[in-house]
């Protein structure tokens, strides 16, 4: 995977697969969460994809990738773009690098009152069909929380 990932704490660059493998080797009980978020601006859509390394009872460490695209005005397309970015990163880590993924966090709401619910069933079904545990709002979503911080 040729995307540039950075540490959230100091923005230093890391090589995604190698870095994740090293984290798992150093911390065998670590849990890895992947998530994405996006934000529309006047002329562009900014996406952030995060990989959260959750230490057992001792906090978390985040790496991320940000990218800017042409403005995506259709909500379904933008949210599906978030899902696809998360699936791509999780798949690379799981299948190419042998790194176990605990779950994919989806910035979607299970409550039909929220607009993102329109994508909810299809997105959760897709993630699960790929073999991932998918979590959504209102659950605590570390990976999408971090991605939200990065795009806002």
N, C-alpha and C. Protein backbone atom coordinates (compact mmCIF):
# COMPACT_ATOMS: atom_id res chain seq x y z
N UNK A 1 0.87 -1.17 0.00
CA UNK A 1 0.00 0.00 0.00
C UNK A 1 0.91 1.22 0.00
N UNK A 2 0.68 2.11 -0.94
CA UNK A 2 1.59 3.23 -1.12
C UNK A 2 1.12 4.53 -0.46
N UNK A 3 0.12 4.46 0.39
CA UNK A 3 -0.35 5.67 1.07
C UNK A 3 0.62 6.04 2.19
N UNK A 4 0.81 7.34 2.37
CA UNK A 4 1.66 7.82 3.45
C UNK A 4 0.84 7.87 4.73
N UNK A 5 1.31 7.17 5.74
CA UNK A 5 0.70 7.23 7.06
C UNK A 5 1.62 8.00 7.99
N UNK A 6 1.00 8.66 8.95
CA UNK A 6 1.74 9.46 9.92
C UNK A 6 1.25 9.15 11.33
N UNK A 7 2.13 9.35 12.29
CA UNK A 7 1.74 9.23 13.69
C UNK A 7 0.93 10.46 14.07
N UNK A 8 -0.16 10.28 14.77
CA UNK A 8 -1.00 11.41 15.14
C UNK A 8 -0.28 12.34 16.12
N UNK A 9 0.55 11.79 16.98
CA UNK A 9 1.17 12.62 18.01
C UNK A 9 2.23 13.59 17.49
N UNK A 10 2.96 13.21 16.42
CA UNK A 10 4.03 14.11 15.96
C UNK A 10 4.10 14.23 14.43
N UNK A 11 3.19 13.62 13.71
CA UNK A 11 3.08 13.66 12.26
C UNK A 11 4.28 13.02 11.54
N UNK A 12 5.12 12.27 12.25
CA UNK A 12 6.23 11.60 11.57
C UNK A 12 5.68 10.46 10.70
N UNK A 13 6.33 10.23 9.56
CA UNK A 13 5.88 9.22 8.61
C UNK A 13 6.23 7.82 9.09
N UNK A 14 5.34 6.87 8.76
CA UNK A 14 5.59 5.45 9.03
C UNK A 14 5.19 4.64 7.81
N UNK A 15 5.78 3.47 7.68
CA UNK A 15 5.39 2.54 6.64
C UNK A 15 4.32 1.65 7.25
N UNK A 16 3.11 1.74 6.75
CA UNK A 16 1.94 1.14 7.37
C UNK A 16 2.14 -0.32 7.76
N UNK A 17 2.43 -1.18 6.83
CA UNK A 17 2.52 -2.61 7.11
C UNK A 17 3.63 -2.96 8.09
N UNK A 18 4.80 -2.42 7.87
CA UNK A 18 5.94 -2.69 8.75
C UNK A 18 5.67 -2.17 10.15
N UNK A 19 5.12 -0.98 10.23
CA UNK A 19 4.83 -0.37 11.53
C UNK A 19 3.80 -1.21 12.30
N UNK A 20 2.74 -1.63 11.64
CA UNK A 20 1.71 -2.44 12.29
C UNK A 20 2.28 -3.78 12.75
N UNK A 21 3.10 -4.41 11.92
CA UNK A 21 3.71 -5.68 12.31
C UNK A 21 4.61 -5.51 13.53
N UNK A 22 5.37 -4.43 13.57
CA UNK A 22 6.23 -4.16 14.72
C UNK A 22 5.42 -3.91 15.99
N UNK A 23 4.30 -3.19 15.86
CA UNK A 23 3.45 -2.94 17.02
C UNK A 23 2.89 -4.25 17.57
N UNK A 24 2.45 -5.14 16.70
CA UNK A 24 1.91 -6.43 17.13
C UNK A 24 3.00 -7.28 17.78
N UNK A 25 4.21 -7.24 17.21
CA UNK A 25 5.32 -8.02 17.78
C UNK A 25 5.69 -7.52 19.18
N UNK A 26 5.70 -6.21 19.37
CA UNK A 26 6.06 -5.62 20.68
C UNK A 26 4.94 -5.76 21.70
N UNK A 27 3.70 -5.75 21.23
CA UNK A 27 2.53 -5.75 22.12
C UNK A 27 1.54 -6.83 21.65
N UNK A 28 1.78 -8.09 22.01
CA UNK A 28 0.94 -9.19 21.49
C UNK A 28 -0.55 -9.07 21.83
N UNK A 29 -0.92 -8.35 22.87
CA UNK A 29 -2.33 -8.21 23.24
C UNK A 29 -2.99 -6.96 22.66
N UNK A 30 -2.29 -6.28 21.77
CA UNK A 30 -2.82 -5.05 21.18
C UNK A 30 -4.05 -5.37 20.33
N UNK A 31 -4.98 -4.45 20.30
CA UNK A 31 -6.16 -4.58 19.45
C UNK A 31 -6.12 -3.44 18.43
N UNK A 32 -6.45 -3.76 17.18
CA UNK A 32 -6.32 -2.79 16.10
C UNK A 32 -7.70 -2.48 15.53
N UNK A 33 -7.98 -1.17 15.48
CA UNK A 33 -9.24 -0.65 14.97
C UNK A 33 -8.93 0.23 13.76
N UNK A 34 -9.76 0.14 12.73
CA UNK A 34 -9.59 0.95 11.53
C UNK A 34 -10.88 1.74 11.31
N UNK A 35 -10.74 3.00 10.93
CA UNK A 35 -11.92 3.81 10.64
C UNK A 35 -11.57 5.00 9.77
N UNK A 36 -12.59 5.60 9.21
CA UNK A 36 -12.41 6.77 8.35
C UNK A 36 -13.51 7.78 8.63
N UNK A 37 -13.22 9.02 8.27
CA UNK A 37 -14.22 10.08 8.32
C UNK A 37 -13.91 11.04 7.18
N UNK A 38 -14.87 11.87 6.85
CA UNK A 38 -14.67 12.85 5.78
C UNK A 38 -15.36 14.15 6.14
N UNK A 39 -14.94 15.19 5.47
CA UNK A 39 -15.53 16.51 5.67
C UNK A 39 -15.51 17.23 4.34
N UNK A 40 -16.64 17.83 3.98
CA UNK A 40 -16.68 18.65 2.77
C UNK A 40 -16.28 20.08 3.08
N UNK A 41 -15.48 20.62 2.19
CA UNK A 41 -15.10 22.02 2.22
C UNK A 41 -15.59 22.65 0.92
N UNK A 42 -15.33 23.89 0.69
CA UNK A 42 -15.89 24.62 -0.45
C UNK A 42 -15.66 23.91 -1.79
N UNK A 43 -14.45 23.45 -2.02
CA UNK A 43 -14.12 22.87 -3.33
C UNK A 43 -13.56 21.46 -3.25
N UNK A 44 -13.51 20.87 -2.05
CA UNK A 44 -12.90 19.55 -1.92
C UNK A 44 -13.55 18.76 -0.80
N UNK A 45 -13.31 17.46 -0.82
CA UNK A 45 -13.68 16.57 0.28
C UNK A 45 -12.38 16.04 0.87
N UNK A 46 -12.25 16.15 2.17
CA UNK A 46 -11.06 15.67 2.87
C UNK A 46 -11.43 14.38 3.60
N UNK A 47 -10.68 13.32 3.32
CA UNK A 47 -10.85 12.02 3.98
C UNK A 47 -9.67 11.77 4.91
N UNK A 48 -9.93 11.17 6.06
CA UNK A 48 -8.88 10.69 6.94
C UNK A 48 -9.20 9.24 7.29
N UNK A 49 -8.20 8.40 7.21
CA UNK A 49 -8.32 7.00 7.61
C UNK A 49 -7.33 6.76 8.74
N UNK A 50 -7.81 6.15 9.82
CA UNK A 50 -6.95 5.94 10.98
C UNK A 50 -6.82 4.45 11.29
N UNK A 51 -5.67 4.14 11.87
CA UNK A 51 -5.42 2.82 12.45
C UNK A 51 -5.10 3.10 13.91
N UNK A 52 -5.94 2.56 14.79
CA UNK A 52 -5.77 2.79 16.23
C UNK A 52 -5.23 1.50 16.85
N UNK A 53 -4.11 1.64 17.54
CA UNK A 53 -3.51 0.53 18.27
C UNK A 53 -3.93 0.70 19.73
N UNK A 54 -4.82 -0.15 20.18
CA UNK A 54 -5.38 -0.05 21.54
C UNK A 54 -4.61 -0.98 22.46
N UNK A 55 -3.93 -0.38 23.43
CA UNK A 55 -3.18 -1.16 24.40
C UNK A 55 -4.11 -1.63 25.51
N UNK A 56 -3.91 -2.85 25.98
CA UNK A 56 -4.75 -3.40 27.03
C UNK A 56 -4.65 -2.54 28.29
N UNK A 57 -5.74 -1.90 28.65
CA UNK A 57 -5.83 -1.06 29.87
C UNK A 57 -4.81 0.07 29.92
N UNK A 58 -4.32 0.52 28.77
CA UNK A 58 -3.27 1.53 28.82
C UNK A 58 -3.28 2.47 27.62
N UNK A 59 -4.43 2.95 27.21
CA UNK A 59 -4.49 3.96 26.16
C UNK A 59 -4.37 3.42 24.76
N UNK A 60 -4.10 4.34 23.83
CA UNK A 60 -4.06 3.99 22.42
C UNK A 60 -3.04 4.86 21.69
N UNK A 61 -2.67 4.40 20.51
CA UNK A 61 -1.75 5.11 19.64
C UNK A 61 -2.38 5.13 18.25
N UNK A 62 -2.30 6.26 17.56
CA UNK A 62 -3.01 6.41 16.29
C UNK A 62 -2.04 6.79 15.17
N UNK A 63 -2.21 6.12 14.03
CA UNK A 63 -1.56 6.56 12.79
C UNK A 63 -2.68 6.85 11.79
N UNK A 64 -2.37 7.69 10.80
CA UNK A 64 -3.43 8.12 9.89
C UNK A 64 -2.90 8.44 8.50
N UNK A 65 -3.84 8.46 7.58
CA UNK A 65 -3.59 8.91 6.21
C UNK A 65 -4.69 9.91 5.87
N UNK A 66 -4.31 11.04 5.29
CA UNK A 66 -5.30 12.03 4.84
C UNK A 66 -5.18 12.20 3.34
N UNK A 67 -6.33 12.41 2.71
CA UNK A 67 -6.31 12.70 1.28
C UNK A 67 -7.44 13.65 0.93
N UNK A 68 -7.19 14.46 -0.06
CA UNK A 68 -8.16 15.42 -0.54
C UNK A 68 -8.61 14.99 -1.93
N UNK A 69 -9.93 15.06 -2.16
CA UNK A 69 -10.47 14.70 -3.47
C UNK A 69 -11.35 15.85 -3.97
N UNK A 70 -11.75 15.73 -5.21
CA UNK A 70 -12.75 16.64 -5.74
C UNK A 70 -13.98 16.57 -4.84
N UNK A 71 -14.69 17.65 -4.69
CA UNK A 71 -15.85 17.72 -3.81
C UNK A 71 -16.86 16.61 -4.13
N UNK A 72 -17.23 15.85 -3.08
CA UNK A 72 -18.23 14.78 -3.21
C UNK A 72 -19.49 15.28 -2.51
N UNK A 73 -20.47 15.69 -3.29
CA UNK A 73 -21.66 16.30 -2.70
C UNK A 73 -22.73 15.28 -2.30
N UNK A 74 -22.69 14.11 -2.94
CA UNK A 74 -23.68 13.08 -2.64
C UNK A 74 -23.27 12.35 -1.35
N UNK A 75 -24.16 12.39 -0.33
CA UNK A 75 -23.83 11.80 0.98
C UNK A 75 -23.52 10.32 0.87
N UNK A 76 -24.32 9.56 0.13
CA UNK A 76 -24.11 8.12 0.00
C UNK A 76 -22.70 7.84 -0.53
N UNK A 77 -22.32 8.54 -1.58
CA UNK A 77 -21.01 8.33 -2.21
C UNK A 77 -19.89 8.70 -1.25
N UNK A 78 -20.04 9.79 -0.53
CA UNK A 78 -19.00 10.22 0.43
C UNK A 78 -18.85 9.21 1.55
N UNK A 79 -19.97 8.75 2.13
CA UNK A 79 -19.90 7.78 3.22
C UNK A 79 -19.38 6.42 2.74
N UNK A 80 -19.77 6.04 1.52
CA UNK A 80 -19.24 4.79 0.97
C UNK A 80 -17.73 4.92 0.73
N UNK A 81 -17.28 6.12 0.39
CA UNK A 81 -15.84 6.36 0.25
C UNK A 81 -15.10 6.15 1.56
N UNK A 82 -15.72 6.55 2.66
CA UNK A 82 -15.14 6.31 3.99
C UNK A 82 -15.02 4.80 4.22
N UNK A 83 -16.12 4.09 3.98
CA UNK A 83 -16.13 2.64 4.18
C UNK A 83 -15.06 1.97 3.34
N UNK A 84 -14.99 2.32 2.06
CA UNK A 84 -14.04 1.66 1.17
C UNK A 84 -12.59 1.91 1.58
N UNK A 85 -12.30 3.11 2.04
CA UNK A 85 -10.95 3.41 2.53
C UNK A 85 -10.60 2.54 3.74
N UNK A 86 -11.56 2.39 4.65
CA UNK A 86 -11.33 1.55 5.83
C UNK A 86 -11.13 0.08 5.45
N UNK A 87 -11.99 -0.42 4.55
CA UNK A 87 -11.88 -1.81 4.09
C UNK A 87 -10.54 -2.04 3.40
N UNK A 88 -10.10 -1.09 2.58
CA UNK A 88 -8.82 -1.23 1.87
C UNK A 88 -7.65 -1.33 2.86
N UNK A 89 -7.63 -0.46 3.86
CA UNK A 89 -6.54 -0.46 4.84
C UNK A 89 -6.59 -1.73 5.69
N UNK A 90 -7.79 -2.09 6.17
CA UNK A 90 -7.93 -3.30 6.98
C UNK A 90 -7.53 -4.54 6.19
N UNK A 91 -7.95 -4.60 4.94
CA UNK A 91 -7.61 -5.74 4.09
C UNK A 91 -6.11 -5.85 3.85
N UNK A 92 -5.48 -4.73 3.59
CA UNK A 92 -4.03 -4.73 3.41
C UNK A 92 -3.33 -5.26 4.66
N UNK A 93 -3.71 -4.72 5.82
CA UNK A 93 -3.08 -5.16 7.06
C UNK A 93 -3.33 -6.64 7.34
N UNK A 94 -4.56 -7.06 7.15
CA UNK A 94 -4.95 -8.45 7.47
C UNK A 94 -4.34 -9.46 6.49
N UNK A 95 -4.52 -9.20 5.20
CA UNK A 95 -4.15 -10.20 4.20
C UNK A 95 -2.72 -10.07 3.68
N UNK A 96 -2.22 -8.87 3.56
CA UNK A 96 -0.86 -8.68 3.04
C UNK A 96 0.19 -8.72 4.16
N UNK A 97 -0.20 -8.30 5.36
CA UNK A 97 0.78 -8.14 6.44
C UNK A 97 0.56 -9.12 7.60
N UNK A 98 -0.55 -9.85 7.60
CA UNK A 98 -0.82 -10.79 8.67
C UNK A 98 -1.13 -10.14 10.00
N UNK A 99 -1.65 -8.93 9.97
CA UNK A 99 -1.97 -8.18 11.18
C UNK A 99 -3.47 -8.34 11.48
N UNK A 100 -3.81 -8.84 12.66
CA UNK A 100 -5.23 -9.04 12.98
C UNK A 100 -5.97 -7.71 13.22
N UNK A 101 -7.17 -7.62 12.69
CA UNK A 101 -8.00 -6.43 12.85
C UNK A 101 -9.12 -6.75 13.84
N UNK A 102 -9.20 -5.98 14.91
CA UNK A 102 -10.25 -6.18 15.91
C UNK A 102 -11.61 -5.76 15.37
N UNK A 103 -11.66 -4.55 14.76
CA UNK A 103 -12.94 -4.11 14.19
C UNK A 103 -12.72 -2.92 13.27
N UNK A 104 -13.74 -2.69 12.47
CA UNK A 104 -13.80 -1.49 11.65
C UNK A 104 -14.88 -0.60 12.24
N UNK A 105 -14.51 0.63 12.52
CA UNK A 105 -15.45 1.62 13.03
C UNK A 105 -16.06 2.36 11.85
N UNK A 106 -17.39 2.43 11.83
CA UNK A 106 -18.09 3.12 10.74
C UNK A 106 -18.81 4.34 11.30
N UNK A 107 -18.59 5.47 10.69
CA UNK A 107 -19.20 6.71 11.14
C UNK A 107 -20.63 6.79 10.61
N UNK A 108 -21.42 5.81 11.00
CA UNK A 108 -22.81 5.70 10.57
C UNK A 108 -23.67 5.51 11.80
N UNK A 109 -24.92 5.91 11.71
CA UNK A 109 -25.79 5.82 12.87
C UNK A 109 -26.87 4.77 12.64
N UNK A 110 -27.07 3.91 13.64
CA UNK A 110 -28.10 2.89 13.56
C UNK A 110 -29.51 3.48 13.73
N UNK A 111 -29.60 4.71 14.21
CA UNK A 111 -30.88 5.38 14.43
C UNK A 111 -31.40 5.96 13.10
N UNK A 112 -32.59 5.54 12.65
CA UNK A 112 -33.14 6.02 11.38
C UNK A 112 -33.36 7.53 11.32
N UNK A 113 -33.32 8.20 12.44
CA UNK A 113 -33.50 9.65 12.46
C UNK A 113 -32.30 10.40 11.86
N UNK A 114 -31.15 9.73 11.73
CA UNK A 114 -29.94 10.38 11.23
C UNK A 114 -29.74 10.06 9.76
N UNK A 115 -29.28 11.04 8.97
CA UNK A 115 -29.10 10.82 7.52
C UNK A 115 -28.17 9.67 7.17
N UNK A 116 -27.13 9.45 7.98
CA UNK A 116 -26.18 8.38 7.65
C UNK A 116 -26.81 6.99 7.76
N UNK A 117 -27.98 6.88 8.34
CA UNK A 117 -28.66 5.59 8.46
C UNK A 117 -29.01 5.01 7.09
N UNK A 118 -29.13 5.86 6.08
CA UNK A 118 -29.47 5.39 4.74
C UNK A 118 -28.41 4.43 4.19
N UNK A 119 -27.18 4.54 4.66
CA UNK A 119 -26.07 3.72 4.20
C UNK A 119 -25.81 2.57 5.18
N UNK A 120 -26.39 2.65 6.35
CA UNK A 120 -26.07 1.77 7.47
C UNK A 120 -26.10 0.28 7.12
N UNK A 121 -27.24 -0.22 6.66
CA UNK A 121 -27.38 -1.66 6.41
C UNK A 121 -26.40 -2.16 5.36
N UNK A 122 -26.28 -1.43 4.27
CA UNK A 122 -25.39 -1.86 3.19
C UNK A 122 -23.93 -1.85 3.65
N UNK A 123 -23.54 -0.82 4.37
CA UNK A 123 -22.14 -0.69 4.81
C UNK A 123 -21.77 -1.75 5.84
N UNK A 124 -22.63 -1.93 6.83
CA UNK A 124 -22.36 -2.95 7.86
C UNK A 124 -22.33 -4.33 7.22
N UNK A 125 -23.28 -4.60 6.34
CA UNK A 125 -23.31 -5.89 5.65
C UNK A 125 -22.06 -6.14 4.84
N UNK A 126 -21.60 -5.11 4.15
CA UNK A 126 -20.38 -5.24 3.33
C UNK A 126 -19.18 -5.53 4.21
N UNK A 127 -19.00 -4.76 5.28
CA UNK A 127 -17.87 -4.97 6.18
C UNK A 127 -17.91 -6.38 6.79
N UNK A 128 -19.09 -6.80 7.21
CA UNK A 128 -19.22 -8.14 7.80
C UNK A 128 -18.97 -9.23 6.77
N UNK A 129 -19.41 -9.00 5.54
CA UNK A 129 -19.20 -10.01 4.50
C UNK A 129 -17.71 -10.17 4.17
N UNK A 130 -16.93 -9.14 4.48
CA UNK A 130 -15.48 -9.19 4.27
C UNK A 130 -14.77 -9.80 5.49
N UNK A 131 -15.55 -10.19 6.50
CA UNK A 131 -14.97 -10.86 7.66
C UNK A 131 -14.61 -9.97 8.83
N UNK A 132 -15.11 -8.74 8.84
CA UNK A 132 -14.78 -7.80 9.91
C UNK A 132 -15.95 -7.60 10.86
N UNK A 133 -15.61 -7.35 12.11
CA UNK A 133 -16.61 -6.88 13.06
C UNK A 133 -16.76 -5.39 12.79
N UNK A 134 -17.98 -4.93 12.59
CA UNK A 134 -18.23 -3.52 12.30
C UNK A 134 -19.01 -2.90 13.45
N UNK A 135 -18.55 -1.76 13.93
CA UNK A 135 -19.24 -1.02 14.99
C UNK A 135 -19.67 0.33 14.44
N UNK A 136 -20.81 0.81 14.92
CA UNK A 136 -21.37 2.08 14.47
C UNK A 136 -21.84 2.90 15.66
N UNK A 137 -22.26 4.12 15.38
CA UNK A 137 -22.85 4.96 16.42
C UNK A 137 -24.15 4.32 16.89
N UNK A 138 -24.50 4.38 18.11
CA UNK A 138 -23.96 5.25 19.15
C UNK A 138 -22.81 4.64 19.96
N UNK A 139 -22.25 3.49 19.53
CA UNK A 139 -21.12 2.90 20.26
C UNK A 139 -19.91 3.83 20.22
N UNK A 140 -18.99 3.61 21.16
CA UNK A 140 -17.73 4.35 21.17
C UNK A 140 -16.89 3.88 20.00
N UNK A 141 -16.47 4.80 19.16
CA UNK A 141 -15.73 4.48 17.95
C UNK A 141 -14.40 5.24 17.94
N UNK A 142 -13.37 4.63 18.48
CA UNK A 142 -12.08 5.30 18.59
C UNK A 142 -11.51 5.72 17.25
N UNK A 143 -11.60 4.84 16.26
CA UNK A 143 -10.97 5.11 14.97
C UNK A 143 -11.68 6.25 14.22
N UNK A 144 -13.02 6.27 14.24
CA UNK A 144 -13.70 7.36 13.55
C UNK A 144 -13.62 8.65 14.36
N UNK A 145 -13.51 8.56 15.68
CA UNK A 145 -13.31 9.76 16.49
C UNK A 145 -12.00 10.43 16.09
N UNK A 146 -10.94 9.63 16.00
CA UNK A 146 -9.63 10.18 15.63
C UNK A 146 -9.67 10.75 14.22
N UNK A 147 -10.33 10.05 13.29
CA UNK A 147 -10.42 10.53 11.91
C UNK A 147 -11.20 11.85 11.87
N UNK A 148 -12.24 11.97 12.69
CA UNK A 148 -13.02 13.20 12.75
C UNK A 148 -12.15 14.37 13.20
N UNK A 149 -11.33 14.15 14.19
CA UNK A 149 -10.41 15.19 14.67
C UNK A 149 -9.50 15.66 13.53
N UNK A 150 -9.06 14.73 12.71
CA UNK A 150 -8.11 15.04 11.64
C UNK A 150 -8.74 15.79 10.47
N UNK A 151 -10.02 15.59 10.19
CA UNK A 151 -10.63 16.27 9.04
C UNK A 151 -11.29 17.59 9.43
N UNK A 152 -11.46 17.86 10.72
CA UNK A 152 -12.10 19.10 11.15
C UNK A 152 -11.12 20.11 11.71
